[in-house]
């Protein structure tokens, strides 16, 4: 698959490409969204939710985060962890998945040397993202959507200086807002917690609000301010 998006003048603006990259347990399946000009100064890697509960690179929250970051100018890679889709290997309790994400980041850095790097993840993917951001040099920002702080260890964020953007639904039934609010003060600055009013864990009927929250938090022009705690 190599789908081209076109601007109003009919010229090719960007493409969504199927890619295969080398991972520590074998090949990893990915989707790369980039401009044909190959001129991005900003890259992003987006990690999907739990592999054992249906999480894939096609998850709607992952898709919305990736498409929003691309619209803001990033070349964006989303990929399947080991054992998901056409990615080789088997589920590894988050240990091997961290190394899968590291391989994806290194692949993007090799494709765009010197580009600013953002790491993003949803749910289980945010746990992977947090640990990767804390262990890799030169990460400009991490974006954690619905981090499962009640069930996963985010201790690495206590001393991690990478800027943190947390986007959280107020009606999240799987990663409750109360648990995120309890963990958030213990994370190192700089950090921002943005609440999406009424949103559940999967942002059902709230994907537009999620995209808006992300654009505002990242300073996109023309977006109205949203409430922060």
C-alpha atoms as a PDB file:
ATOM      1  CA  UNK A   1       0.000   0.000   0.000  1.00  0.00           C
ATOM      2  CA  UNK A   2       1.238   3.471  -0.909  1.00  0.00           C
ATOM      3  CA  UNK A   3      -1.585   5.964  -0.593  1.00  0.00           C
ATOM      4  CA  UNK A   4      -1.009   9.527  -1.734  1.00  0.00           C
ATOM      5  CA  UNK A   5      -2.779  12.535  -0.253  1.00  0.00           C
ATOM      6  CA  UNK A   6      -3.055  15.536  -2.552  1.00  0.00           C
ATOM      7  CA  UNK A   7      -3.253  19.243  -1.892  1.00  0.00           C
ATOM      8  CA  UNK A   8      -5.728  21.649  -3.551  1.00  0.00           C
ATOM      9  CA  UNK A   9      -3.485  22.086  -6.578  1.00  0.00           C
ATOM     10  CA  UNK A  10      -3.437  18.357  -7.266  1.00  0.00           C
ATOM     11  CA  UNK A  11       0.213  17.783  -6.412  1.00  0.00           C
ATOM     12  CA  UNK A  12       1.195  14.963  -4.100  1.00  0.00           C
ATOM     13  CA  UNK A  13       1.516  16.283  -0.536  1.00  0.00           C
ATOM     14  CA  UNK A  14       2.113  13.171   1.542  1.00  0.00           C
ATOM     15  CA  UNK A  15       1.972   9.394   1.468  1.00  0.00           C
ATOM     16  CA  UNK A  16       0.995   6.607   3.822  1.00  0.00           C
ATOM     17  CA  UNK A  17       3.468   3.814   3.180  1.00  0.00           C
ATOM     18  CA  UNK A  18       3.587   0.236   4.405  1.00  0.00           C
ATOM     19  CA  UNK A  19       7.080  -0.389   5.765  1.00  0.00           C
ATOM     20  CA  UNK A  20       8.958  -3.302   7.297  1.00  0.00           C
ATOM     21  CA  UNK A  21      11.759  -2.636   9.741  1.00  0.00           C
ATOM     22  CA  UNK A  22      14.196  -4.884  11.557  1.00  0.00           C
ATOM     23  CA  UNK A  23      13.247  -5.522  15.170  1.00  0.00           C
ATOM     24  CA  UNK A  24      15.024  -7.458  17.915  1.00  0.00           C
ATOM     25  CA  UNK A  25      12.616 -10.413  17.516  1.00  0.00           C
ATOM     26  CA  UNK A  26      12.327 -10.175  13.735  1.00  0.00           C
ATOM     27  CA  UNK A  27      10.542  -7.986  11.221  1.00  0.00           C
ATOM     28  CA  UNK A  28       8.171  -5.278  12.487  1.00  0.00           C
ATOM     29  CA  UNK A  29       5.195  -4.130  10.445  1.00  0.00           C
ATOM     30  CA  UNK A  30       4.659  -0.381  10.235  1.00  0.00           C
ATOM     31  CA  UNK A  31       2.828   2.470   8.545  1.00  0.00           C
ATOM     32  CA  UNK A  32       4.825   5.601   7.740  1.00  0.00           C
ATOM     33  CA  UNK A  33       3.167   8.903   6.929  1.00  0.00           C
ATOM     34  CA  UNK A  34       5.526  11.417   5.342  1.00  0.00           C
ATOM     35  CA  UNK A  35       5.694  14.074   2.661  1.00  0.00           C
ATOM     36  CA  UNK A  36       7.053  13.071  -0.709  1.00  0.00           C
ATOM     37  CA  UNK A  37       9.581  15.888  -0.423  1.00  0.00           C
ATOM     38  CA  UNK A  38      11.197  13.893   2.410  1.00  0.00           C
ATOM     39  CA  UNK A  39      11.910  17.215   4.126  1.00  0.00           C
ATOM     40  CA  UNK A  40      10.684  16.673   7.676  1.00  0.00           C
ATOM     41  CA  UNK A  41      12.682  18.244  10.509  1.00  0.00           C
ATOM     42  CA  UNK A  42      10.425  16.518  13.055  1.00  0.00           C
ATOM     43  CA  UNK A  43       9.736  12.801  13.510  1.00  0.00           C
ATOM     44  CA  UNK A  44       7.307  10.933  15.743  1.00  0.00           C
ATOM     45  CA  UNK A  45       6.816   7.301  16.728  1.00  0.00           C
ATOM     46  CA  UNK A  46       3.389   6.272  18.051  1.00  0.00           C
ATOM     47  CA  UNK A  47       2.913   3.100  20.156  1.00  0.00           C
ATOM     48  CA  UNK A  48      -0.347   1.144  20.232  1.00  0.00           C
ATOM     49  CA  UNK A  49      -2.329  -0.282  23.198  1.00  0.00           C
ATOM     50  CA  UNK A  50      -2.024  -3.707  24.780  1.00  0.00           C
ATOM     51  CA  UNK A  51      -1.235  -6.492  22.293  1.00  0.00           C
ATOM     52  CA  UNK A  52      -3.195  -9.060  24.264  1.00  0.00           C
ATOM     53  CA  UNK A  53      -6.377  -6.985  24.256  1.00  0.00           C
ATOM     54  CA  UNK A  54      -6.662  -6.194  20.576  1.00  0.00           C
ATOM     55  CA  UNK A  55      -4.151  -3.356  20.376  1.00  0.00           C
ATOM     56  CA  UNK A  56      -2.681  -2.725  16.917  1.00  0.00           C
ATOM     57  CA  UNK A  57      -1.269   0.127  14.869  1.00  0.00           C
ATOM     58  CA  UNK A  58      -4.775   0.536  13.407  1.00  0.00           C
ATOM     59  CA  UNK A  59      -6.330   1.464  16.773  1.00  0.00           C
ATOM     60  CA  UNK A  60      -8.474   4.577  16.333  1.00  0.00           C
ATOM     61  CA  UNK A  61      -6.728   6.569  19.080  1.00  0.00           C
ATOM     62  CA  UNK A  62      -3.305   5.720  17.659  1.00  0.00           C
ATOM     63  CA  UNK A  63      -4.532   6.708  14.203  1.00  0.00           C
ATOM     64  CA  UNK A  64      -5.861  10.054  15.464  1.00  0.00           C
ATOM     65  CA  UNK A  65      -2.651  10.890  17.321  1.00  0.00           C
ATOM     66  CA  UNK A  66      -0.529   9.932  14.309  1.00  0.00           C
ATOM     67  CA  UNK A  67      -2.642  11.852  11.798  1.00  0.00           C
ATOM     68  CA  UNK A  68      -2.692  14.934  14.028  1.00  0.00           C
ATOM     69  CA  UNK A  69       1.084  14.928  14.456  1.00  0.00           C
ATOM     70  CA  UNK A  70       1.527  14.486  10.715  1.00  0.00           C
ATOM     71  CA  UNK A  71      -0.826  17.391   9.997  1.00  0.00           C
ATOM     72  CA  UNK A  72       1.334  19.515  12.300  1.00  0.00           C
ATOM     73  CA  UNK A  73       4.420  18.663  10.239  1.00  0.00           C
ATOM     74  CA  UNK A  74       5.918  15.433  11.561  1.00  0.00           C
ATOM     75  CA  UNK A  75       6.891  12.307   9.663  1.00  0.00           C
ATOM     76  CA  UNK A  76       5.055   9.695  11.727  1.00  0.00           C
ATOM     77  CA  UNK A  77       5.646   5.974  12.171  1.00  0.00           C
ATOM     78  CA  UNK A  78       3.152   3.699  13.887  1.00  0.00           C
ATOM     79  CA  UNK A  79       4.053   0.032  14.087  1.00  0.00           C
ATOM     80  CA  UNK A  80       2.870  -3.288  15.439  1.00  0.00           C
ATOM     81  CA  UNK A  81       4.649  -4.697  18.463  1.00  0.00           C
ATOM     82  CA  UNK A  82       6.058  -8.221  18.228  1.00  0.00           C
ATOM     83  CA  UNK A  83       3.429 -10.885  17.639  1.00  0.00           C
ATOM     84  CA  UNK A  84       0.815  -8.414  16.359  1.00  0.00           C
ATOM     85  CA  UNK A  85      -0.326  -8.421  12.731  1.00  0.00           C
ATOM     86  CA  UNK A  86       2.640  -9.220  10.506  1.00  0.00           C
ATOM     87  CA  UNK A  87       5.257  -8.436  13.161  1.00  0.00           C
ATOM     88  CA  UNK A  88       7.412 -11.400  14.163  1.00  0.00           C
ATOM     89  CA  UNK A  89       7.794 -12.706  17.704  1.00  0.00           C
ATOM     90  CA  UNK A  90       5.480 -13.076  20.688  1.00  0.00           C
ATOM     91  CA  UNK A  91       4.200 -10.894  23.520  1.00  0.00           C
ATOM     92  CA  UNK A  92       6.952 -10.172  26.056  1.00  0.00           C
ATOM     93  CA  UNK A  93       5.305  -8.443  29.042  1.00  0.00           C
ATOM     94  CA  UNK A  94       6.435  -5.009  27.896  1.00  0.00           C
ATOM     95  CA  UNK A  95      10.136  -5.890  27.998  1.00  0.00           C
ATOM     96  CA  UNK A  96      10.568  -6.858  24.371  1.00  0.00           C
ATOM     97  CA  UNK A  97       7.997  -4.272  23.325  1.00  0.00           C
ATOM     98  CA  UNK A  98      10.238  -1.539  24.719  1.00  0.00           C
ATOM     99  CA  UNK A  99      13.026  -2.782  22.461  1.00  0.00           C
ATOM    100  CA  UNK A 100      10.637  -2.907  19.494  1.00  0.00           C
ATOM    101  CA  UNK A 101       9.852   0.766  20.065  1.00  0.00           C
ATOM    102  CA  UNK A 102      13.556   1.547  20.365  1.00  0.00           C
ATOM    103  CA  UNK A 103      14.163  -0.138  17.009  1.00  0.00           C
ATOM    104  CA  UNK A 104      11.344   1.918  15.474  1.00  0.00           C
ATOM    105  CA  UNK A 105      12.848   5.147  16.831  1.00  0.00           C
ATOM    106  CA  UNK A 106      16.302   4.272  15.539  1.00  0.00           C
ATOM    107  CA  UNK A 107      14.807   3.452  12.123  1.00  0.00           C
ATOM    108  CA  UNK A 108      13.154   6.859  11.961  1.00  0.00           C
ATOM    109  CA  UNK A 109      16.321   8.619  13.102  1.00  0.00           C
ATOM    110  CA  UNK A 110      18.298   6.876  10.377  1.00  0.00           C
ATOM    111  CA  UNK A 111      15.718   7.993   7.802  1.00  0.00           C
ATOM    112  CA  UNK A 112      15.701  11.596   9.068  1.00  0.00           C
ATOM    113  CA  UNK A 113      19.126  12.317  10.626  1.00  0.00           C
ATOM    114  CA  UNK A 114      19.096  15.259  12.988  1.00  0.00           C
ATOM    115  CA  UNK A 115      15.307  15.588  13.129  1.00  0.00           C
ATOM    116  CA  UNK A 116      13.589  16.488  16.396  1.00  0.00           C
ATOM    117  CA  UNK A 117      11.979  13.410  17.945  1.00  0.00           C
ATOM    118  CA  UNK A 118       8.625  12.987  19.664  1.00  0.00           C
ATOM    119  CA  UNK A 119       7.445   9.737  21.239  1.00  0.00           C
ATOM    120  CA  UNK A 120       3.737   9.085  21.734  1.00  0.00           C
ATOM    121  CA  UNK A 121       1.700   6.187  23.033  1.00  0.00           C
ATOM    122  CA  UNK A 122      -1.806   5.220  24.020  1.00  0.00           C
ATOM    123  CA  UNK A 123      -2.588   3.122  27.116  1.00  0.00           C
ATOM    124  CA  UNK A 124      -0.061   0.236  27.214  1.00  0.00           C
ATOM    125  CA  UNK A 125       1.777   2.119  24.478  1.00  0.00           C
ATOM    126  CA  UNK A 126       2.165   5.110  26.776  1.00  0.00           C
ATOM    127  CA  UNK A 127       3.949   2.901  29.310  1.00  0.00           C
ATOM    128  CA  UNK A 128       6.365   1.783  26.603  1.00  0.00           C
ATOM    129  CA  UNK A 129       6.751   5.386  25.450  1.00  0.00           C
ATOM    130  CA  UNK A 130       7.542   6.666  28.946  1.00  0.00           C
ATOM    131  CA  UNK A 131      10.321   4.137  29.491  1.00  0.00           C
ATOM    132  CA  UNK A 132      11.778   4.705  26.037  1.00  0.00           C
ATOM    133  CA  UNK A 133      11.796   8.486  26.460  1.00  0.00           C
ATOM    134  CA  UNK A 134      13.566   8.073  29.800  1.00  0.00           C
ATOM    135  CA  UNK A 135      16.272   5.856  28.308  1.00  0.00           C
ATOM    136  CA  UNK A 136      17.000   7.468  24.924  1.00  0.00           C
ATOM    137  CA  UNK A 137      18.953  10.702  24.440  1.00  0.00           C
ATOM    138  CA  UNK A 138      17.621  13.659  22.533  1.00  0.00           C
ATOM    139  CA  UNK A 139      13.863  13.145  22.868  1.00  0.00           C
ATOM    140  CA  UNK A 140      12.123  16.491  22.502  1.00  0.00           C
ATOM    141  CA  UNK A 141       8.754  15.468  23.970  1.00  0.00           C
ATOM    142  CA  UNK A 142       6.680  12.502  25.074  1.00  0.00           C
ATOM    143  CA  UNK A 143       2.914  12.326  24.648  1.00  0.00           C
ATOM    144  CA  UNK A 144       1.071   9.909  26.933  1.00  0.00           C
ATOM    145  CA  UNK A 145      -2.600   9.300  26.161  1.00  0.00           C
ATOM    146  CA  UNK A 146      -4.556   7.560  28.922  1.00  0.00           C
ATOM    147  CA  UNK A 147      -1.512   6.184  30.776  1.00  0.00           C
ATOM    148  CA  UNK A 148      -2.435   3.165  32.948  1.00  0.00           C
ATOM    149  CA  UNK A 149      -0.765   4.448  36.093  1.00  0.00           C
ATOM    150  CA  UNK A 150      -2.773   2.155  38.394  1.00  0.00           C
ATOM    151  CA  UNK A 151      -1.478  -1.027  36.736  1.00  0.00           C
ATOM    152  CA  UNK A 152       1.922  -0.144  35.211  1.00  0.00           C
ATOM    153  CA  UNK A 153       5.136   1.292  36.648  1.00  0.00           C
ATOM    154  CA  UNK A 154       5.842   4.849  35.530  1.00  0.00           C
ATOM    155  CA  UNK A 155       8.614   5.404  38.095  1.00  0.00           C
ATOM    156  CA  UNK A 156      11.061   6.375  35.345  1.00  0.00           C
ATOM    157  CA  UNK A 157       9.194   9.659  34.975  1.00  0.00           C
ATOM    158  CA  UNK A 158      10.167  10.789  38.469  1.00  0.00           C
ATOM    159  CA  UNK A 159      13.600  11.827  37.235  1.00  0.00           C
ATOM    160  CA  UNK A 160      13.105  12.049  33.465  1.00  0.00           C
ATOM    161  CA  UNK A 161      13.606  15.648  32.242  1.00  0.00           C
ATOM    162  CA  UNK A 162      11.886  15.112  28.882  1.00  0.00           C
ATOM    163  CA  UNK A 163       8.777  17.365  28.570  1.00  0.00           C
ATOM    164  CA  UNK A 164       5.613  15.369  29.196  1.00  0.00           C
ATOM    165  CA  UNK A 165       2.188  15.937  27.701  1.00  0.00           C
ATOM    166  CA  UNK A 166      -0.511  13.763  29.244  1.00  0.00           C
ATOM    167  CA  UNK A 167      -3.964  13.681  27.650  1.00  0.00           C
ATOM    168  CA  UNK A 168      -6.606  12.043  29.796  1.00  0.00           C
ATOM    169  CA  UNK A 169     -10.342  11.480  29.511  1.00  0.00           C
ATOM    170  CA  UNK A 170     -12.366  12.393  32.578  1.00  0.00           C
ATOM    171  CA  UNK A 171     -14.547   9.273  32.233  1.00  0.00           C
ATOM    172  CA  UNK A 172     -11.773   6.767  31.545  1.00  0.00           C
ATOM    173  CA  UNK A 173     -12.946   3.451  32.952  1.00  0.00           C
ATOM    174  CA  UNK A 174      -9.669   1.544  32.442  1.00  0.00           C
ATOM    175  CA  UNK A 175      -7.042   4.151  33.342  1.00  0.00           C
ATOM    176  CA  UNK A 176      -8.972   6.357  35.769  1.00  0.00           C
ATOM    177  CA  UNK A 177      -8.306  10.079  35.926  1.00  0.00           C
ATOM    178  CA  UNK A 178      -7.962   9.802  39.708  1.00  0.00           C
ATOM    179  CA  UNK A 179      -5.008   7.416  39.332  1.00  0.00           C
ATOM    180  CA  UNK A 180      -3.313   9.699  36.815  1.00  0.00           C
ATOM    181  CA  UNK A 181      -3.838  12.714  39.077  1.00  0.00           C
ATOM    182  CA  UNK A 182      -2.266  10.786  41.963  1.00  0.00           C
ATOM    183  CA  UNK A 183       0.831   9.872  39.948  1.00  0.00           C
ATOM    184  CA  UNK A 184       1.257  13.149  38.052  1.00  0.00           C
ATOM    185  CA  UNK A 185       2.730  15.297  40.891  1.00  0.00           C
ATOM    186  CA  UNK A 186       5.592  12.811  41.293  1.00  0.00           C
ATOM    187  CA  UNK A 187       6.770  13.177  37.709  1.00  0.00           C
ATOM    188  CA  UNK A 188       9.618  15.521  36.882  1.00  0.00           C
ATOM    189  CA  UNK A 189       8.938  18.856  35.227  1.00  0.00           C
ATOM    190  CA  UNK A 190       8.210  20.081  32.638  1.00  0.00           C
ATOM    191  CA  UNK A 191       4.828  18.406  32.374  1.00  0.00           C
ATOM    192  CA  UNK A 192       1.264  19.212  31.357  1.00  0.00           C
ATOM    193  CA  UNK A 193      -1.939  17.324  32.089  1.00  0.00           C
ATOM    194  CA  UNK A 194      -4.806  18.029  29.694  1.00  0.00           C
ATOM    195  CA  UNK A 195      -8.260  16.667  30.505  1.00  0.00           C
ATOM    196  CA  UNK A 196     -10.766  15.815  27.781  1.00  0.00           C
ATOM    197  CA  UNK A 197     -14.156  16.280  29.392  1.00  0.00           C
ATOM    198  CA  UNK A 198     -16.421  13.229  29.166  1.00  0.00           C
ATOM    199  CA  UNK A 199     -13.947  11.074  27.244  1.00  0.00           C
ATOM    200  CA  UNK A 200     -13.732   7.335  27.964  1.00  0.00           C
ATOM    201  CA  UNK A 201     -10.564   5.250  27.639  1.00  0.00           C
ATOM    202  CA  UNK A 202     -10.989   4.774  23.895  1.00  0.00           C
ATOM    203  CA  UNK A 203     -12.268   8.322  23.352  1.00  0.00           C
ATOM    204  CA  UNK A 204     -15.538   7.012  21.934  1.00  0.00           C
ATOM    205  CA  UNK A 205     -17.218   9.865  20.058  1.00  0.00           C
ATOM    206  CA  UNK A 206     -14.427  12.097  21.363  1.00  0.00           C
ATOM    207  CA  UNK A 207     -11.670  11.571  18.801  1.00  0.00           C
ATOM    208  CA  UNK A 208     -12.136  15.093  17.476  1.00  0.00           C
ATOM    209  CA  UNK A 209     -11.751  16.433  21.016  1.00  0.00           C
ATOM    210  CA  UNK A 210      -8.579  14.373  21.405  1.00  0.00           C
ATOM    211  CA  UNK A 211      -7.125  15.803  18.204  1.00  0.00           C
ATOM    212  CA  UNK A 212      -8.094  19.317  19.258  1.00  0.00           C
ATOM    213  CA  UNK A 213      -6.492  18.862  22.674  1.00  0.00           C
ATOM    214  CA  UNK A 214      -3.294  17.666  21.055  1.00  0.00           C
ATOM    215  CA  UNK A 215      -3.177  20.549  18.586  1.00  0.00           C
ATOM    216  CA  UNK A 216      -3.779  23.139  21.285  1.00  0.00           C
ATOM    217  CA  UNK A 217      -1.226  21.634  23.650  1.00  0.00           C
ATOM    218  CA  UNK A 218       1.384  21.633  20.883  1.00  0.00           C
ATOM    219  CA  UNK A 219       0.657  25.254  20.048  1.00  0.00           C
ATOM    220  CA  UNK A 220      -1.040  24.838  16.679  1.00  0.00           C
ATOM    221  CA  UNK A 221      -2.205  28.217  15.328  1.00  0.00           C
ATOM    222  CA  UNK A 222      -5.908  28.929  15.184  1.00  0.00           C
ATOM    223  CA  UNK A 223      -6.884  26.606  18.037  1.00  0.00           C
ATOM    224  CA  UNK A 224      -8.775  27.941  21.036  1.00  0.00           C
ATOM    225  CA  UNK A 225      -7.289  27.376  24.469  1.00  0.00           C
ATOM    226  CA  UNK A 226      -8.536  24.425  26.478  1.00  0.00           C
ATOM    227  CA  UNK A 227      -8.868  24.025  30.205  1.00  0.00           C
ATOM    228  CA  UNK A 228      -5.917  22.639  32.152  1.00  0.00           C
ATOM    229  CA  UNK A 229      -5.918  21.733  35.837  1.00  0.00           C
END
